[in-house]
Amino acid sequence: MKKIVKELLVSALLFFGVLCATLQVDWMKLLHLRPTIVGDKLSEWVWELTYASIDEVQDASVCLPIDTLVSEMCRANGINSASVHIVVSRDKEVNAYATAGRHIIINTGLIEKMDNETQLCAVIGHELAHLELGHIESSIRRQAIFQVLLTLLTGNGNMEGVVNITTLMISNSITRAKENDADAQGARYLYAMQQDPMEMANTLETFESYGILSYLTDHADSKERAENIRKMHFKDNIVPRPILSPGVWNTLKEEIHD
């Protein structure tokens, strides 16, 4: 009996080990394949499932200031702002994340904790960098391969379960190296829009105490990541210029608090 249990355990570990190894490889990129309808459809399903769980804030006093910050960041960095979709979620968790369909979700709990607009821009810049660097797209491609393998192995066509797994795996596939790259690129975005790039480091250090920001804690150590930002060299010192008026910023914070 013990021998059978041991063999089953070894087989299970081997299966999941091979599966995890498979998921770490971007087979479509490695084999120079174009994105397939499977990947596109999976991306669509992931977003639909994600959006269904969001209590979206649509108040202009909240959305317009954030849209202004995003538009300014995109304009200064040559990014098509129309391709980036921001959704503010009424959620007390201090969190923001990029997901399928070039969407960035920003929780009201995170906005409430921001001391100034540059801190908020640092968070947005980090998530925008994940999109621009292809981190989310590559995750979707890997999950498309996973979906095909799962269907072939089990014959299970239940996509909702696959999408649930995919949503979690997208988050887990953001490695420490990708986080560092997003930190650095986000700092460059700040510099290009005449905001202090060191606010990326300040934000990493400030929010370490909360221990709940996904992009700060899932792949710790935020102190080390902040130090990496401080070692970056920028050509000129920046005299930050305000983007939002104090009144608009204060109204945004008041609306979020309510």
Protein backbone atom coordinates (compact mmCIF):
# COMPACT_ATOMS: atom_id res chain seq x y z
CA MET A 1 0.00 0.00 0.00
CA LYS A 2 2.79 2.39 0.94
CA LYS A 3 4.54 1.56 -2.32
CA ILE A 4 1.42 2.43 -4.33
CA VAL A 5 0.94 5.71 -2.48
CA LYS A 6 4.59 6.56 -3.02
CA GLU A 7 4.36 5.81 -6.74
CA LEU A 8 1.22 7.92 -7.06
CA LEU A 9 2.89 10.78 -5.23
CA VAL A 10 5.98 10.61 -7.44
CA SER A 11 3.82 10.47 -10.56
CA ALA A 12 1.79 13.48 -9.42
CA LEU A 13 4.91 15.47 -8.61
CA LEU A 14 6.44 14.55 -11.95
CA PHE A 15 3.29 15.55 -13.83
CA PHE A 16 3.01 18.93 -12.14
CA GLY A 17 6.75 19.48 -12.43
CA VAL A 18 6.64 18.96 -16.19
CA LEU A 19 3.49 21.11 -16.43
CA CYS A 20 5.07 23.98 -14.48
CA ALA A 21 8.25 23.75 -16.58
CA THR A 22 6.15 23.85 -19.72
CA LEU A 23 4.33 26.97 -18.56
CA GLN A 24 7.61 28.81 -17.97
CA VAL A 25 8.42 28.60 -21.69
CA ASP A 26 6.82 31.00 -24.15
CA TRP A 27 6.43 28.35 -26.84
CA MET A 28 4.75 30.66 -29.34
CA LYS A 29 7.65 33.11 -29.20
CA LEU A 30 10.25 30.34 -29.15
CA LEU A 31 8.75 28.69 -32.24
CA HIS A 32 8.12 32.06 -33.94
CA LEU A 33 4.37 31.45 -34.06
CA ARG A 34 1.83 34.25 -34.39
CA PRO A 35 -0.80 34.71 -31.64
CA THR A 36 -3.70 32.37 -32.27
CA ILE A 37 -7.42 32.70 -31.86
CA VAL A 38 -6.99 30.56 -28.73
CA GLY A 39 -4.78 33.18 -27.12
CA ASP A 40 -6.99 36.05 -28.24
CA LYS A 41 -10.15 34.36 -27.00
CA LEU A 42 -8.52 33.41 -23.72
CA SER A 43 -7.45 37.03 -23.22
CA GLU A 44 -11.03 38.13 -23.85
CA TRP A 45 -12.41 35.58 -21.39
CA VAL A 46 -9.87 36.52 -18.73
CA TRP A 47 -10.89 40.17 -18.97
CA GLU A 48 -14.63 39.38 -18.92
CA LEU A 49 -14.19 37.25 -15.81
CA THR A 50 -12.01 39.89 -14.15
CA TYR A 51 -14.42 42.73 -14.93
CA ALA A 52 -17.37 40.75 -13.60
CA SER A 53 -15.77 40.82 -10.15
CA ILE A 54 -15.11 44.59 -10.18
CA ASP A 55 -17.29 47.31 -8.72
CA GLU A 56 -16.28 49.99 -11.22
CA VAL A 57 -16.20 53.63 -10.14
CA GLN A 58 -17.55 55.87 -12.88
CA ASP A 59 -17.71 59.24 -11.10
CA ALA A 60 -16.09 61.92 -13.28
CA SER A 61 -14.40 63.52 -10.25
CA VAL A 62 -12.47 60.25 -9.78
CA CYS A 63 -11.98 59.01 -13.33
CA LEU A 64 -11.06 62.26 -15.10
CA PRO A 65 -8.03 63.11 -12.90
CA ILE A 66 -6.66 59.58 -13.27
CA ASP A 67 -7.28 59.64 -17.02
CA THR A 68 -5.38 62.95 -17.14
CA LEU A 69 -2.37 61.43 -15.37
CA VAL A 70 -2.38 58.39 -17.66
CA SER A 71 -2.79 60.50 -20.80
CA GLU A 72 0.09 62.74 -19.77
CA MET A 73 2.33 59.75 -19.06
CA CYS A 74 1.46 58.18 -22.41
CA ARG A 75 1.95 61.44 -24.33
CA ALA A 76 5.37 62.05 -22.78
CA ASN A 77 6.50 58.50 -23.56
CA GLY A 78 5.10 58.05 -27.07
CA ILE A 79 2.44 55.52 -26.02
CA ASN A 80 -0.98 55.44 -27.62
CA SER A 81 -3.22 56.34 -24.67
CA ALA A 82 -6.29 54.99 -26.49
CA SER A 83 -4.77 51.50 -26.27
CA VAL A 84 -4.62 51.62 -22.46
CA HIS A 85 -7.82 51.05 -20.52
CA ILE A 86 -8.00 52.23 -16.91
CA VAL A 87 -10.66 50.91 -14.57
CA VAL A 88 -11.05 52.23 -11.03
CA SER A 89 -12.38 49.55 -8.72
CA ARG A 90 -14.23 50.37 -5.51
CA ASP A 91 -12.09 48.11 -3.37
CA LYS A 92 -10.38 48.92 -0.06
CA GLU A 93 -7.42 46.65 -0.81
CA VAL A 94 -4.30 48.72 -1.50
CA ASN A 95 -3.62 47.30 -4.93
CA ALA A 96 -3.23 47.95 -8.65
CA TYR A 97 -2.52 45.48 -11.42
CA ALA A 98 -2.30 45.09 -15.18
CA THR A 99 -4.30 42.38 -16.86
CA ALA A 100 -5.55 41.07 -20.20
CA GLY A 101 -6.69 43.42 -22.95
CA ARG A 102 -4.23 46.16 -21.88
CA HIS A 103 -6.34 46.98 -18.83
CA ILE A 104 -4.98 48.48 -15.62
CA ILE A 105 -7.10 48.12 -12.50
CA ILE A 106 -6.60 50.70 -9.76
CA ASN A 107 -8.32 50.13 -6.43
CA THR A 108 -9.76 53.06 -4.50
CA GLY A 109 -7.90 51.74 -1.45
CA LEU A 110 -4.60 52.44 -3.20
CA ILE A 111 -5.59 55.94 -4.31
CA GLU A 112 -6.62 56.75 -0.75
CA LYS A 113 -3.10 55.93 0.50
CA MET A 114 -1.32 58.12 -2.07
CA ASP A 115 0.31 61.24 -0.64
CA ASN A 116 0.60 63.00 -3.99
CA GLU A 117 -0.04 62.59 -7.71
CA THR A 118 3.55 61.51 -8.41
CA GLN A 119 3.17 58.48 -6.15
CA LEU A 120 0.04 57.53 -8.05
CA CYS A 121 1.92 58.05 -11.32
CA ALA A 122 4.67 55.74 -10.04
CA VAL A 123 2.16 52.94 -9.50
CA ILE A 124 0.52 53.57 -12.87
CA GLY A 125 3.93 53.68 -14.54
CA HIS A 126 4.90 50.32 -13.07
CA GLU A 127 1.72 48.67 -14.36
CA LEU A 128 1.93 50.42 -17.73
CA ALA A 129 5.48 49.10 -18.05
CA HIS A 130 4.20 45.54 -17.60
CA LEU A 131 1.93 46.12 -20.60
CA GLU A 132 4.51 47.85 -22.77
CA LEU A 133 7.22 45.28 -22.01
CA GLY A 134 4.89 42.47 -23.07
CA HIS A 135 4.77 40.76 -19.68
CA ILE A 136 1.00 40.26 -19.70
CA GLU A 137 0.84 39.26 -23.36
CA SER A 138 3.54 36.62 -22.93
CA SER A 139 1.65 35.23 -19.94
CA ILE A 140 -1.52 34.98 -22.02
CA ARG A 141 0.38 33.16 -24.76
CA ARG A 142 1.71 30.63 -22.26
CA GLN A 143 -1.75 30.08 -20.84
CA ALA A 144 -3.13 29.54 -24.35
CA ILE A 145 -0.71 26.63 -24.71
CA PHE A 146 -1.76 25.42 -21.24
CA GLN A 147 -5.43 25.50 -22.24
CA VAL A 148 -4.75 23.42 -25.33
CA LEU A 149 -2.72 20.89 -23.34
CA LEU A 150 -5.38 20.68 -20.64
CA THR A 151 -8.12 20.08 -23.20
CA LEU A 152 -6.08 17.40 -24.95
CA LEU A 153 -5.20 15.66 -21.70
CA THR A 154 -8.60 15.78 -20.00
CA GLY A 155 -11.09 16.45 -22.78
CA ASN A 156 -12.54 19.11 -20.49
CA GLY A 157 -13.97 22.00 -22.47
CA ASN A 158 -15.06 23.98 -19.40
CA MET A 159 -13.36 27.29 -20.11
CA GLU A 160 -14.49 29.08 -16.95
CA GLY A 161 -12.27 26.84 -14.85
CA VAL A 162 -9.37 27.38 -17.22
CA VAL A 163 -9.84 31.15 -17.11
CA ASN A 164 -9.84 31.09 -13.29
CA ILE A 165 -6.55 29.22 -13.33
CA THR A 166 -5.17 31.51 -16.03
CA THR A 167 -5.99 34.67 -14.07
CA LEU A 168 -3.97 33.39 -11.11
CA MET A 169 -1.11 32.21 -13.31
CA ILE A 170 -0.79 35.57 -15.04
CA SER A 171 -0.05 37.11 -11.65
CA ASN A 172 2.30 34.33 -10.64
CA SER A 173 4.20 34.50 -13.93
CA ILE A 174 5.41 38.04 -13.20
CA THR A 175 8.92 37.14 -12.07
CA ARG A 176 11.30 39.14 -9.92
CA ALA A 177 13.25 40.12 -13.05
CA LYS A 178 10.08 41.40 -14.71
CA GLU A 179 9.19 43.38 -11.59
CA ASN A 180 12.64 45.00 -11.62
CA ASP A 181 12.25 45.84 -15.31
CA ALA A 182 8.82 47.37 -14.67
CA ASP A 183 10.22 49.42 -11.77
CA ALA A 184 13.01 50.82 -13.93
CA GLN A 185 10.78 51.50 -16.93
CA GLY A 186 8.19 53.14 -14.69
CA ALA A 187 10.90 55.45 -13.30
CA ARG A 188 11.84 56.39 -16.88
CA TYR A 189 8.19 57.17 -17.61
CA LEU A 190 8.13 59.54 -14.63
CA TYR A 191 11.29 61.28 -15.79
CA ALA A 192 9.92 61.76 -19.31
CA MET A 193 6.80 63.45 -17.95
CA GLN A 194 8.90 65.75 -15.73
CA GLN A 195 8.14 63.98 -12.50
CA ASP A 196 10.80 62.88 -10.02
CA PRO A 197 11.79 59.29 -11.02
CA MET A 198 12.97 58.65 -7.48
CA GLU A 199 9.33 58.67 -6.43
CA MET A 200 9.29 55.11 -7.75
CA ALA A 201 11.83 54.20 -5.07
CA ASN A 202 9.99 56.26 -2.44
CA THR A 203 6.73 54.50 -3.26
CA LEU A 204 8.35 51.08 -3.01
CA GLU A 205 9.74 51.96 0.42
CA THR A 206 6.59 53.65 1.69
CA PHE A 207 4.23 50.85 0.81
CA GLU A 208 6.44 48.08 2.11
CA SER A 209 4.96 48.83 5.53
CA TYR A 210 1.46 47.96 4.27
CA GLY A 211 2.58 44.52 3.09
CA ILE A 212 -0.36 44.22 0.72
CA LEU A 213 0.58 45.80 -2.59
CA SER A 214 0.73 42.84 -4.95
CA TYR A 215 3.51 44.15 -7.13
CA LEU A 216 5.55 45.11 -4.08
CA THR A 217 5.13 42.00 -1.98
CA ASP A 218 4.55 39.01 -4.25
CA HIS A 219 8.15 39.24 -5.37
CA ALA A 220 9.79 40.91 -2.34
CA ASP A 221 12.27 42.61 -1.43
CA SER A 222 10.98 46.12 -2.00
CA LYS A 223 13.97 47.70 -0.21
CA GLU A 224 16.37 46.10 -2.66
CA ARG A 225 14.19 47.13 -5.57
CA ALA A 226 14.07 50.71 -4.27
CA GLU A 227 17.87 50.72 -4.02
CA ASN A 228 18.11 49.58 -7.64
CA ILE A 229 16.03 52.60 -8.67
CA ARG A 230 18.25 54.95 -6.66
CA LYS A 231 21.27 53.65 -8.56
CA MET A 232 19.75 54.69 -11.88
CA HIS A 233 21.29 57.75 -13.52
CA PHE A 234 19.22 60.40 -15.22
CA LYS A 235 20.73 63.16 -17.35
CA ASP A 236 19.28 66.16 -15.55
CA ASN A 237 17.72 66.90 -12.21
CA ILE A 238 13.98 67.27 -12.50
CA VAL A 239 11.97 70.20 -11.20
CA PRO A 240 8.60 68.45 -10.91
CA ARG A 241 5.70 70.21 -12.55
CA PRO A 242 2.17 69.76 -11.26
CA ILE A 243 -0.29 67.98 -13.53
CA LEU A 244 -3.43 68.23 -11.44
CA SER A 245 -4.40 71.33 -9.52
CA PRO A 246 -4.43 71.01 -5.71
CA GLY A 247 -8.21 71.38 -5.79
CA VAL A 248 -8.67 68.52 -8.25
CA TRP A 249 -6.32 66.27 -6.26
CA ASN A 250 -8.09 67.05 -2.98
CA THR A 251 -11.51 66.42 -4.54
CA LEU A 252 -10.27 63.07 -5.87
CA LYS A 253 -9.10 62.02 -2.41
CA GLU A 254 -12.35 63.18 -0.82
CA GLU A 255 -14.47 61.24 -3.32
CA ILE A 256 -12.40 58.10 -2.75
CA HIS A 257 -12.68 58.48 1.03
CA ASP A 258 -16.47 58.75 0.82
